[in-house]
Amino acid sequence: MFEQAFRNIDDILRREMSSELDYVEQTSWILFLKYLDALEHERAQQAELDGHTYSYLLEKKFRWNAWAVPRTAKGELDHNLALIGGDLCEFVDRKLFHT
């Protein structure tokens, strides 16, 4: 599931980047966001088990599961919230990598 989302984003970035350096930078950032999301999810679960609350580093809208692969309450891909095509490009260009 994550692989296809990454491939879609990767294809968009490759077409839109003006140089290979920009492409590498943006791709690295996306991988970092995926890693950070998994790490924070794990830390939030551990905090819950310990009876503590966890403060996420990223706003919810920028977390991997909010924009790359949103899920329903049942854990299935939420096709109503998933960004595709122009919506995905808009989010990545204007919000995620806003300069």
PDB file of N, CA and C in Angstrom:
ATOM      1  N   MET A   1       0.831  -1.196   0.000  1.00  0.00           N
ATOM      2  CA  MET A   1       0.000   0.000   0.000  1.00  0.00           C
ATOM      3  C   MET A   1       0.871   1.252   0.000  1.00  0.00           C
ATOM      4  N   PHE A   2       1.845   1.319   0.901  1.00  0.00           N
ATOM      5  CA  PHE A   2       2.724   2.482   0.953  1.00  0.00           C
ATOM      6  C   PHE A   2       3.565   2.581  -0.311  1.00  0.00           C
ATOM      7  N   GLU A   3       3.921   1.441  -0.860  1.00  0.00           N
ATOM      8  CA  GLU A   3       4.763   1.440  -2.053  1.00  0.00           C
ATOM      9  C   GLU A   3       4.077   2.154  -3.206  1.00  0.00           C
ATOM     10  N   GLN A   4       2.795   1.890  -3.412  1.00  0.00           N
ATOM     11  CA  GLN A   4       2.086   2.533  -4.519  1.00  0.00           C
ATOM     12  C   GLN A   4       1.949   4.024  -4.270  1.00  0.00           C
ATOM     13  N   ALA A   5       1.662   4.422  -3.042  1.00  0.00           N
ATOM     14  CA  ALA A   5       1.565   5.851  -2.734  1.00  0.00           C
ATOM     15  C   ALA A   5       2.895   6.537  -3.005  1.00  0.00           C
ATOM     16  N   PHE A   6       3.985   5.888  -2.597  1.00  0.00           N
ATOM     17  CA  PHE A   6       5.298   6.475  -2.826  1.00  0.00           C
ATOM     18  C   PHE A   6       5.608   6.543  -4.317  1.00  0.00           C
ATOM     19  N   ARG A   7       5.258   5.518  -5.060  1.00  0.00           N
ATOM     20  CA  ARG A   7       5.497   5.539  -6.514  1.00  0.00           C
ATOM     21  C   ARG A   7       4.749   6.693  -7.180  1.00  0.00           C
ATOM     22  N   ASN A   8       3.509   6.911  -6.764  1.00  0.00           N
ATOM     23  CA  ASN A   8       2.723   8.006  -7.326  1.00  0.00           C
ATOM     24  C   ASN A   8       3.385   9.355  -7.038  1.00  0.00           C
ATOM     25  N   ILE A   9       3.786   9.551  -5.816  1.00  0.00           N
ATOM     26  CA  ILE A   9       4.442  10.801  -5.439  1.00  0.00           C
ATOM     27  C   ILE A   9       5.776  10.933  -6.154  1.00  0.00           C
ATOM     28  N   ASP A  10       6.508   9.841  -6.220  1.00  0.00           N
ATOM     29  CA  ASP A  10       7.804   9.825  -6.895  1.00  0.00           C
ATOM     30  C   ASP A  10       7.661  10.232  -8.358  1.00  0.00           C
ATOM     31  N   ASP A  11       6.666   9.700  -9.043  1.00  0.00           N
ATOM     32  CA  ASP A  11       6.438  10.043 -10.452  1.00  0.00           C
ATOM     33  C   ASP A  11       6.144  11.535 -10.616  1.00  0.00           C
ATOM     34  N   ILE A  12       5.331  12.067  -9.732  1.00  0.00           N
ATOM     35  CA  ILE A  12       4.994  13.489  -9.791  1.00  0.00           C
ATOM     36  C   ILE A  12       6.239  14.340  -9.567  1.00  0.00           C
ATOM     37  N   LEU A  13       6.989  14.002  -8.550  1.00  0.00           N
ATOM     38  CA  LEU A  13       8.191  14.783  -8.257  1.00  0.00           C
ATOM     39  C   LEU A  13       9.192  14.734  -9.396  1.00  0.00           C
ATOM     40  N   ARG A  14       9.394  13.577  -9.970  1.00  0.00           N
ATOM     41  CA  ARG A  14      10.363  13.433 -11.052  1.00  0.00           C
ATOM     42  C   ARG A  14       9.983  14.325 -12.238  1.00  0.00           C
ATOM     43  N   ARG A  15       8.698  14.404 -12.528  1.00  0.00           N
ATOM     44  CA  ARG A  15       8.245  15.245 -13.648  1.00  0.00           C
ATOM     45  C   ARG A  15       8.334  16.725 -13.336  1.00  0.00           C
ATOM     46  N   GLU A  16       8.099  17.087 -12.078  1.00  0.00           N
ATOM     47  CA  GLU A  16       7.975  18.493 -11.706  1.00  0.00           C
ATOM     48  C   GLU A  16       9.278  19.160 -11.274  1.00  0.00           C
ATOM     49  N   MET A  17      10.260  18.404 -10.857  1.00  0.00           N
ATOM     50  CA  MET A  17      11.496  18.988 -10.346  1.00  0.00           C
ATOM     51  C   MET A  17      12.355  19.542 -11.473  1.00  0.00           C
ATOM     52  N   SER A  18      12.968  20.675 -11.204  1.00  0.00           N
ATOM     53  CA  SER A  18      13.800  21.319 -12.216  1.00  0.00           C
ATOM     54  C   SER A  18      15.196  20.707 -12.293  1.00  0.00           C
ATOM     55  N   SER A  19      15.630  20.046 -11.234  1.00  0.00           N
ATOM     56  CA  SER A  19      16.961  19.426 -11.256  1.00  0.00           C
ATOM     57  C   SER A  19      16.944  18.141 -10.440  1.00  0.00           C
ATOM     58  N   GLU A  20      17.958  17.327 -10.653  1.00  0.00           N
ATOM     59  CA  GLU A  20      18.062  16.078  -9.890  1.00  0.00           C
ATOM     60  C   GLU A  20      18.272  16.360  -8.408  1.00  0.00           C
ATOM     61  N   LEU A  21      18.961  17.429  -8.094  1.00  0.00           N
ATOM     62  CA  LEU A  21      19.185  17.790  -6.696  1.00  0.00           C
ATOM     63  C   LEU A  21      17.863  18.085  -5.995  1.00  0.00           C
ATOM     64  N   ASP A  22      16.979  18.828  -6.667  1.00  0.00           N
ATOM     65  CA  ASP A  22      15.655  19.091  -6.095  1.00  0.00           C
ATOM     66  C   ASP A  22      14.886  17.795  -5.892  1.00  0.00           C
ATOM     67  N   TYR A  23      14.964  16.918  -6.884  1.00  0.00           N
ATOM     68  CA  TYR A  23      14.270  15.630  -6.804  1.00  0.00           C
ATOM     69  C   TYR A  23      14.757  14.824  -5.602  1.00  0.00           C
ATOM     70  N   VAL A  24      16.073  14.737  -5.419  1.00  0.00           N
ATOM     71  CA  VAL A  24      16.642  13.985  -4.300  1.00  0.00           C
ATOM     72  C   VAL A  24      16.224  14.614  -2.970  1.00  0.00           C
ATOM     73  N   GLU A  25      16.257  15.934  -2.902  1.00  0.00           N
ATOM     74  CA  GLU A  25      15.876  16.627  -1.671  1.00  0.00           C
ATOM     75  C   GLU A  25      14.423  16.344  -1.305  1.00  0.00           C
ATOM     76  N   GLN A  26      13.521  16.498  -2.268  1.00  0.00           N
ATOM     77  CA  GLN A  26      12.103  16.296  -1.990  1.00  0.00           C
ATOM     78  C   GLN A  26      11.782  14.833  -1.691  1.00  0.00           C
ATOM     79  N   THR A  27      12.412  13.915  -2.421  1.00  0.00           N
ATOM     80  CA  THR A  27      12.195  12.491  -2.171  1.00  0.00           C
ATOM     81  C   THR A  27      12.688  12.111  -0.779  1.00  0.00           C
ATOM     82  N   SER A  28      13.831  12.640  -0.397  1.00  0.00           N
ATOM     83  CA  SER A  28      14.373  12.377   0.945  1.00  0.00           C
ATOM     84  C   SER A  28      13.428  12.902   2.011  1.00  0.00           C
ATOM     85  N   TRP A  29      12.855  14.064   1.781  1.00  0.00           N
ATOM     86  CA  TRP A  29      11.923  14.653   2.738  1.00  0.00           C
ATOM     87  C   TRP A  29      10.681  13.775   2.885  1.00  0.00           C
ATOM     88  N   ILE A  30      10.164  13.268   1.774  1.00  0.00           N
ATOM     89  CA  ILE A  30       8.987  12.393   1.840  1.00  0.00           C
ATOM     90  C   ILE A  30       9.309  11.117   2.614  1.00  0.00           C
ATOM     91  N   LEU A  31      10.461  10.518   2.359  1.00  0.00           N
ATOM     92  CA  LEU A  31      10.862   9.321   3.104  1.00  0.00           C
ATOM     93  C   LEU A  31      11.005   9.632   4.593  1.00  0.00           C
ATOM     94  N   PHE A  32      11.555  10.794   4.891  1.00  0.00           N
ATOM     95  CA  PHE A  32      11.686  11.201   6.288  1.00  0.00           C
ATOM     96  C   PHE A  32      10.307  11.342   6.936  1.00  0.00           C
ATOM     97  N   LEU A  33       9.356  11.940   6.217  1.00  0.00           N
ATOM     98  CA  LEU A  33       8.007  12.088   6.770  1.00  0.00           C
ATOM     99  C   LEU A  33       7.364  10.733   7.040  1.00  0.00           C
ATOM    100  N   LYS A  34       7.599   9.769   6.156  1.00  0.00           N
ATOM    101  CA  LYS A  34       7.070   8.419   6.366  1.00  0.00           C
ATOM    102  C   LYS A  34       7.691   7.793   7.600  1.00  0.00           C
ATOM    103  N   TYR A  35       9.007   7.924   7.722  1.00  0.00           N
ATOM    104  CA  TYR A  35       9.711   7.381   8.886  1.00  0.00           C
ATOM    105  C   TYR A  35       9.227   8.057  10.158  1.00  0.00           C
ATOM    106  N   LEU A  36       9.129   9.379  10.134  1.00  0.00           N
ATOM    107  CA  LEU A  36       8.706  10.123  11.314  1.00  0.00           C
ATOM    108  C   LEU A  36       7.293   9.730  11.732  1.00  0.00           C
ATOM    109  N   ASP A  37       6.410   9.534  10.765  1.00  0.00           N
ATOM    110  CA  ASP A  37       5.042   9.133  11.075  1.00  0.00           C
ATOM    111  C   ASP A  37       5.026   7.789  11.795  1.00  0.00           C
ATOM    112  N   ALA A  38       5.801   6.830  11.286  1.00  0.00           N
ATOM    113  CA  ALA A  38       5.856   5.506  11.923  1.00  0.00           C
ATOM    114  C   ALA A  38       6.457   5.602  13.320  1.00  0.00           C
ATOM    115  N   LEU A  39       7.507   6.381  13.464  1.00  0.00           N
ATOM    116  CA  LEU A  39       8.149   6.546  14.770  1.00  0.00           C
ATOM    117  C   LEU A  39       7.196   7.193  15.767  1.00  0.00           C
ATOM    118  N   GLU A  40       6.513   8.248  15.351  1.00  0.00           N
ATOM    119  CA  GLU A  40       5.593   8.931  16.252  1.00  0.00           C
ATOM    120  C   GLU A  40       4.394   8.048  16.603  1.00  0.00           C
ATOM    121  N   HIS A  41       3.931   7.266  15.654  1.00  0.00           N
ATOM    122  CA  HIS A  41       2.829   6.348  15.939  1.00  0.00           C
ATOM    123  C   HIS A  41       3.250   5.346  17.020  1.00  0.00           C
ATOM    124  N   GLU A  42       4.450   4.820  16.876  1.00  0.00           N
ATOM    125  CA  GLU A  42       4.971   3.875  17.872  1.00  0.00           C
ATOM    126  C   GLU A  42       5.112   4.540  19.243  1.00  0.00           C
ATOM    127  N   ARG A  43       5.628   5.746  19.260  1.00  0.00           N
ATOM    128  CA  ARG A  43       5.795   6.465  20.535  1.00  0.00           C
ATOM    129  C   ARG A  43       4.453   6.809  21.166  1.00  0.00           C
ATOM    130  N   ALA A  44       3.467   7.144  20.354  1.00  0.00           N
ATOM    131  CA  ALA A  44       2.135   7.444  20.874  1.00  0.00           C
ATOM    132  C   ALA A  44       1.506   6.200  21.497  1.00  0.00           C
ATOM    133  N   GLN A  45       1.691   5.055  20.841  1.00  0.00           N
ATOM    134  CA  GLN A  45       1.167   3.806  21.404  1.00  0.00           C
ATOM    135  C   GLN A  45       1.849   3.481  22.725  1.00  0.00           C
ATOM    136  N   GLN A  46       3.153   3.652  22.798  1.00  0.00           N
ATOM    137  CA  GLN A  46       3.881   3.373  24.032  1.00  0.00           C
ATOM    138  C   GLN A  46       3.439   4.322  25.141  1.00  0.00           C
ATOM    139  N   ALA A  47       3.265   5.591  24.807  1.00  0.00           N
ATOM    140  CA  ALA A  47       2.809   6.560  25.806  1.00  0.00           C
ATOM    141  C   ALA A  47       1.431   6.182  26.332  1.00  0.00           C
ATOM    142  N   GLU A  48       0.546   5.728  25.439  1.00  0.00           N
ATOM    143  CA  GLU A  48      -0.790   5.313  25.851  1.00  0.00           C
ATOM    144  C   GLU A  48      -0.715   4.121  26.800  1.00  0.00           C
ATOM    145  N   LEU A  49       0.154   3.162  26.483  1.00  0.00           N
ATOM    146  CA  LEU A  49       0.326   1.999  27.367  1.00  0.00           C
ATOM    147  C   LEU A  49       0.871   2.408  28.730  1.00  0.00           C
ATOM    148  N   ASP A  50       1.692   3.449  28.749  1.00  0.00           N
ATOM    149  CA  ASP A  50       2.280   3.943  29.994  1.00  0.00           C
ATOM    150  C   ASP A  50       1.372   4.921  30.727  1.00  0.00           C
ATOM    151  N   GLY A  51       0.202   5.216  30.143  1.00  0.00           N
ATOM    152  CA  GLY A  51      -0.740   6.135  30.773  1.00  0.00           C
ATOM    153  C   GLY A  51      -0.395   7.601  30.574  1.00  0.00           C
ATOM    154  N   HIS A  52       0.373   7.901  29.552  1.00  0.00           N
ATOM    155  CA  HIS A  52       0.767   9.276  29.255  1.00  0.00           C
ATOM    156  C   HIS A  52       0.143   9.714  27.929  1.00  0.00           C
ATOM    157  N   THR A  53       0.205  11.003  27.664  1.00  0.00           N
ATOM    158  CA  THR A  53      -0.204  11.511  26.370  1.00  0.00           C
ATOM    159  C   THR A  53       1.049  11.827  25.565  1.00  0.00           C
ATOM    160  N   TYR A  54       0.923  11.737  24.269  1.00  0.00           N
ATOM    161  CA  TYR A  54       2.060  12.011  23.393  1.00  0.00           C
ATOM    162  C   TYR A  54       1.753  13.235  22.547  1.00  0.00           C
ATOM    163  N   SER A  55       2.689  14.147  22.465  1.00  0.00           N
ATOM    164  CA  SER A  55       2.539  15.339  21.624  1.00  0.00           C
ATOM    165  C   SER A  55       3.283  15.114  20.316  1.00  0.00           C
ATOM    166  N   TYR A  56       2.538  15.052  19.234  1.00  0.00           N
ATOM    167  CA  TYR A  56       3.134  14.835  17.919  1.00  0.00           C
ATOM    168  C   TYR A  56       3.939  16.055  17.484  1.00  0.00           C
ATOM    169  N   LEU A  57       4.986  15.821  16.731  1.00  0.00           N
ATOM    170  CA  LEU A  57       5.823  16.889  16.203  1.00  0.00           C
ATOM    171  C   LEU A  57       5.159  17.593  15.028  1.00  0.00           C
ATOM    172  N   LEU A  58       4.467  16.828  14.185  1.00  0.00           N
ATOM    173  CA  LEU A  58       3.830  17.389  12.995  1.00  0.00           C
ATOM    174  C   LEU A  58       2.338  17.573  13.209  1.00  0.00           C
ATOM    175  N   GLU A  59       1.809  18.626  12.595  1.00  0.00           N
ATOM    176  CA  GLU A  59       0.362  18.799  12.599  1.00  0.00           C
ATOM    177  C   GLU A  59      -0.265  17.583  11.916  1.00  0.00           C
ATOM    178  N   LYS A  60      -1.471  17.263  12.317  1.00  0.00           N
ATOM    179  CA  LYS A  60      -2.134  16.070  11.792  1.00  0.00           C
ATOM    180  C   LYS A  60      -2.200  16.060  10.262  1.00  0.00           C
ATOM    181  N   LYS A  61      -2.467  17.187   9.633  1.00  0.00           N
ATOM    182  CA  LYS A  61      -2.628  17.220   8.177  1.00  0.00           C
ATOM    183  C   LYS A  61      -1.338  16.907   7.422  1.00  0.00           C
ATOM    184  N   PHE A  62      -0.182  16.992   8.087  1.00  0.00           N
ATOM    185  CA  PHE A  62       1.090  16.702   7.438  1.00  0.00           C
ATOM    186  C   PHE A  62       1.632  15.310   7.763  1.00  0.00           C
ATOM    187  N   ARG A  63       0.945  14.571   8.603  1.00  0.00           N
ATOM    188  CA  ARG A  63       1.376  13.209   8.917  1.00  0.00           C
ATOM    189  C   ARG A  63       1.060  12.284   7.745  1.00  0.00           C
ATOM    190  N   TRP A  64       1.932  11.327   7.520  1.00  0.00           N
ATOM    191  CA  TRP A  64       1.836  10.420   6.372  1.00  0.00           C
ATOM    192  C   TRP A  64       0.436   9.838   6.203  1.00  0.00           C
ATOM    193  N   ASN A  65      -0.114   9.339   7.295  1.00  0.00           N
ATOM    194  CA  ASN A  65      -1.419   8.680   7.206  1.00  0.00           C
ATOM    195  C   ASN A  65      -2.567   9.647   6.940  1.00  0.00           C
ATOM    196  N   ALA A  66      -2.331  10.930   7.091  1.00  0.00           N
ATOM    197  CA  ALA A  66      -3.392  11.902   6.814  1.00  0.00           C
ATOM    198  C   ALA A  66      -3.465  12.259   5.338  1.00  0.00           C
ATOM    199  N   TRP A  67      -2.330  12.271   4.649  1.00  0.00           N
ATOM    200  CA  TRP A  67      -2.353  12.710   3.250  1.00  0.00           C
ATOM    201  C   TRP A  67      -1.935  11.628   2.253  1.00  0.00           C
ATOM    202  N   ALA A  68      -1.054  10.725   2.621  1.00  0.00           N
ATOM    203  CA  ALA A  68      -0.571   9.717   1.674  1.00  0.00           C
ATOM    204  C   ALA A  68      -1.495   8.508   1.615  1.00  0.00           C
ATOM    205  N   VAL A  69      -1.882   7.988   2.760  1.00  0.00           N
ATOM    206  CA  VAL A  69      -2.753   6.809   2.810  1.00  0.00           C
ATOM    207  C   VAL A  69      -3.738   6.927   3.978  1.00  0.00           C
ATOM    208  N   PRO A  70      -4.725   7.838   3.846  1.00  0.00           N
ATOM    209  CA  PRO A  70      -5.711   7.969   4.923  1.00  0.00           C
ATOM    210  C   PRO A  70      -6.518   6.686   5.084  1.00  0.00           C
ATOM    211  N   ARG A  71      -6.864   6.370   6.304  1.00  0.00           N
ATOM    212  CA  ARG A  71      -7.575   5.122   6.618  1.00  0.00           C
ATOM    213  C   ARG A  71      -8.951   5.388   7.218  1.00  0.00           C
ATOM    214  N   THR A  72      -9.840   4.433   7.018  1.00  0.00           N
ATOM    215  CA  THR A  72     -11.146   4.466   7.666  1.00  0.00           C
ATOM    216  C   THR A  72     -10.990   3.919   9.083  1.00  0.00           C
ATOM    217  N   ALA A  73     -12.062   3.946   9.834  1.00  0.00           N
ATOM    218  CA  ALA A  73     -12.030   3.388  11.197  1.00  0.00           C
ATOM    219  C   ALA A  73     -11.722   1.892  11.177  1.00  0.00           C
ATOM    220  N   LYS A  74     -12.028   1.224  10.057  1.00  0.00           N
ATOM    221  CA  LYS A  74     -11.751  -0.209   9.923  1.00  0.00           C
ATOM    222  C   LYS A  74     -10.316  -0.488   9.463  1.00  0.00           C
ATOM    223  N   GLY A  75      -9.547   0.575   9.191  1.00  0.00           N
ATOM    224  CA  GLY A  75      -8.171   0.393   8.760  1.00  0.00           C
ATOM    225  C   GLY A  75      -7.989   0.249   7.260  1.00  0.00           C
ATOM    226  N   GLU A  76      -9.064   0.445   6.506  1.00  0.00           N
ATOM    227  CA  GLU A  76      -8.989   0.344   5.054  1.00  0.00           C
ATOM    228  C   GLU A  76      -8.668   1.713   4.468  1.00  0.00           C
ATOM    229  N   LEU A  77      -8.092   1.728   3.258  1.00  0.00           N
ATOM    230  CA  LEU A  77      -7.806   2.986   2.587  1.00  0.00           C
ATOM    231  C   LEU A  77      -9.101   3.768   2.398  1.00  0.00           C
ATOM    232  N   ASP A  78      -9.102   5.015   2.821  1.00  0.00           N
ATOM    233  CA  ASP A  78     -10.277   5.871   2.684  1.00  0.00           C
ATOM    234  C   ASP A  78     -10.204   6.587   1.337  1.00  0.00           C
ATOM    235  N   HIS A  79     -10.905   6.065   0.365  1.00  0.00           N
ATOM    236  CA  HIS A  79     -10.860   6.615  -0.986  1.00  0.00           C
ATOM    237  C   HIS A  79     -11.464   8.010  -1.071  1.00  0.00           C
ATOM    238  N   ASN A  80     -12.297   8.369  -0.109  1.00  0.00           N
ATOM    239  CA  ASN A  80     -12.883   9.710  -0.098  1.00  0.00           C
ATOM    240  C   ASN A  80     -11.883  10.766   0.351  1.00  0.00           C
ATOM    241  N   LEU A  81     -10.919  10.383   1.172  1.00  0.00           N
ATOM    242  CA  LEU A  81      -9.922  11.329   1.674  1.00  0.00           C
ATOM    243  C   LEU A  81      -8.588  11.251   0.944  1.00  0.00           C
ATOM    244  N   ALA A  82      -8.340  10.166   0.238  1.00  0.00           N
ATOM    245  CA  ALA A  82      -7.060   9.981  -0.444  1.00  0.00           C
ATOM    246  C   ALA A  82      -6.881  11.050  -1.522  1.00  0.00           C
ATOM    247  N   LEU A  83      -5.720  11.666  -1.518  1.00  0.00           N
ATOM    248  CA  LEU A  83      -5.402  12.679  -2.516  1.00  0.00           C
ATOM    249  C   LEU A  83      -4.848  12.001  -3.762  1.00  0.00           C
ATOM    250  N   ILE A  84      -5.378  12.388  -4.901  1.00  0.00           N
ATOM    251  CA  ILE A  84      -4.897  11.841  -6.172  1.00  0.00           C
ATOM    252  C   ILE A  84      -4.832  12.975  -7.190  1.00  0.00           C
ATOM    253  N   GLY A  85      -4.105  12.748  -8.255  1.00  0.00           N
ATOM    254  CA  GLY A  85      -4.056  13.692  -9.365  1.00  0.00           C
ATOM    255  C   GLY A  85      -3.731  15.105  -8.945  1.00  0.00           C
ATOM    256  N   GLY A  86      -4.559  16.034  -9.411  1.00  0.00           N
ATOM    257  CA  GLY A  86      -4.349  17.450  -9.149  1.00  0.00           C
ATOM    258  C   GLY A  86      -4.383  17.807  -7.673  1.00  0.00           C
ATOM    259  N   ASP A  87      -5.243  17.122  -6.916  1.00  0.00           N
ATOM    260  CA  ASP A  87      -5.319  17.388  -5.482  1.00  0.00           C
ATOM    261  C   ASP A  87      -4.013  17.022  -4.778  1.00  0.00           C
ATOM    262  N   LEU A  88      -3.425  15.898  -5.180  1.00  0.00           N
ATOM    263  CA  LEU A  88      -2.151  15.476  -4.597  1.00  0.00           C
ATOM    264  C   LEU A  88      -1.045  16.451  -4.975  1.00  0.00           C
ATOM    265  N   CYS A  89      -1.004  16.850  -6.235  1.00  0.00           N
ATOM    266  CA  CYS A  89       0.005  17.828  -6.686  1.00  0.00           C
ATOM    267  C   CYS A  89      -0.143  19.142  -5.924  1.00  0.00           C
ATOM    268  N   GLU A  90      -1.352  19.597  -5.789  1.00  0.00           N
ATOM    269  CA  GLU A  90      -1.625  20.848  -5.071  1.00  0.00           C
ATOM    270  C   GLU A  90      -1.135  20.760  -3.624  1.00  0.00           C
ATOM    271  N   PHE A  91      -1.461  19.668  -2.952  1.00  0.00           N
ATOM    272  CA  PHE A  91      -1.046  19.510  -1.565  1.00  0.00           C
ATOM    273  C   PHE A  91       0.471  19.480  -1.440  1.00  0.00           C
ATOM    274  N   VAL A  92       1.113  18.660  -2.262  1.00  0.00           N
ATOM    275  CA  VAL A  92       2.579  18.532  -2.187  1.00  0.00           C
ATOM    276  C   VAL A  92       3.247  19.854  -2.528  1.00  0.00           C
ATOM    277  N   ASP A  93       2.818  20.506  -3.607  1.00  0.00           N
ATOM    278  CA  ASP A  93       3.452  21.748  -4.052  1.00  0.00           C
ATOM    279  C   ASP A  93       3.180  22.930  -3.142  1.00  0.00           C
ATOM    280  N   ARG A  94       1.949  23.062  -2.709  1.00  0.00           N
ATOM    281  CA  ARG A  94       1.564  24.286  -2.010  1.00  0.00           C
ATOM    282  C   ARG A  94       1.556  24.195  -0.487  1.00  0.00           C
ATOM    283  N   LYS A  95       1.427  22.978   0.030  1.00  0.00           N
ATOM    284  CA  LYS A  95       1.344  22.849   1.490  1.00  0.00           C
ATOM    285  C   LYS A  95       2.510  22.068   2.069  1.00  0.00           C
ATOM    286  N   LEU A  96       2.752  20.875   1.544  1.00  0.00           N
ATOM    287  CA  LEU A  96       3.795  20.023   2.103  1.00  0.00           C
ATOM    288  C   LEU A  96       5.185  20.618   1.868  1.00  0.00           C
ATOM    289  N   PHE A  97       5.432  21.112   0.650  1.00  0.00           N
ATOM    290  CA  PHE A  97       6.740  21.703   0.312  1.00  0.00           C
ATOM    291  C   PHE A  97       6.617  23.190   0.071  1.00  0.00           C
ATOM    292  N   HIS A  98       5.729  23.829   0.772  1.00  0.00           N
ATOM    293  CA  HIS A  98       5.511  25.263   0.605  1.00  0.00           C
ATOM    294  C   HIS A  98       6.818  26.020   0.853  1.00  0.00           C
ATOM    295  N   THR A  99       7.171  26.856  -0.099  1.00  0.00           N
ATOM    296  CA  THR A  99       8.402  27.641   0.051  1.00  0.00           C
ATOM    297  C   THR A  99       8.089  29.113   0.135  1.00  0.00           C
TER     298      THR A  99
END
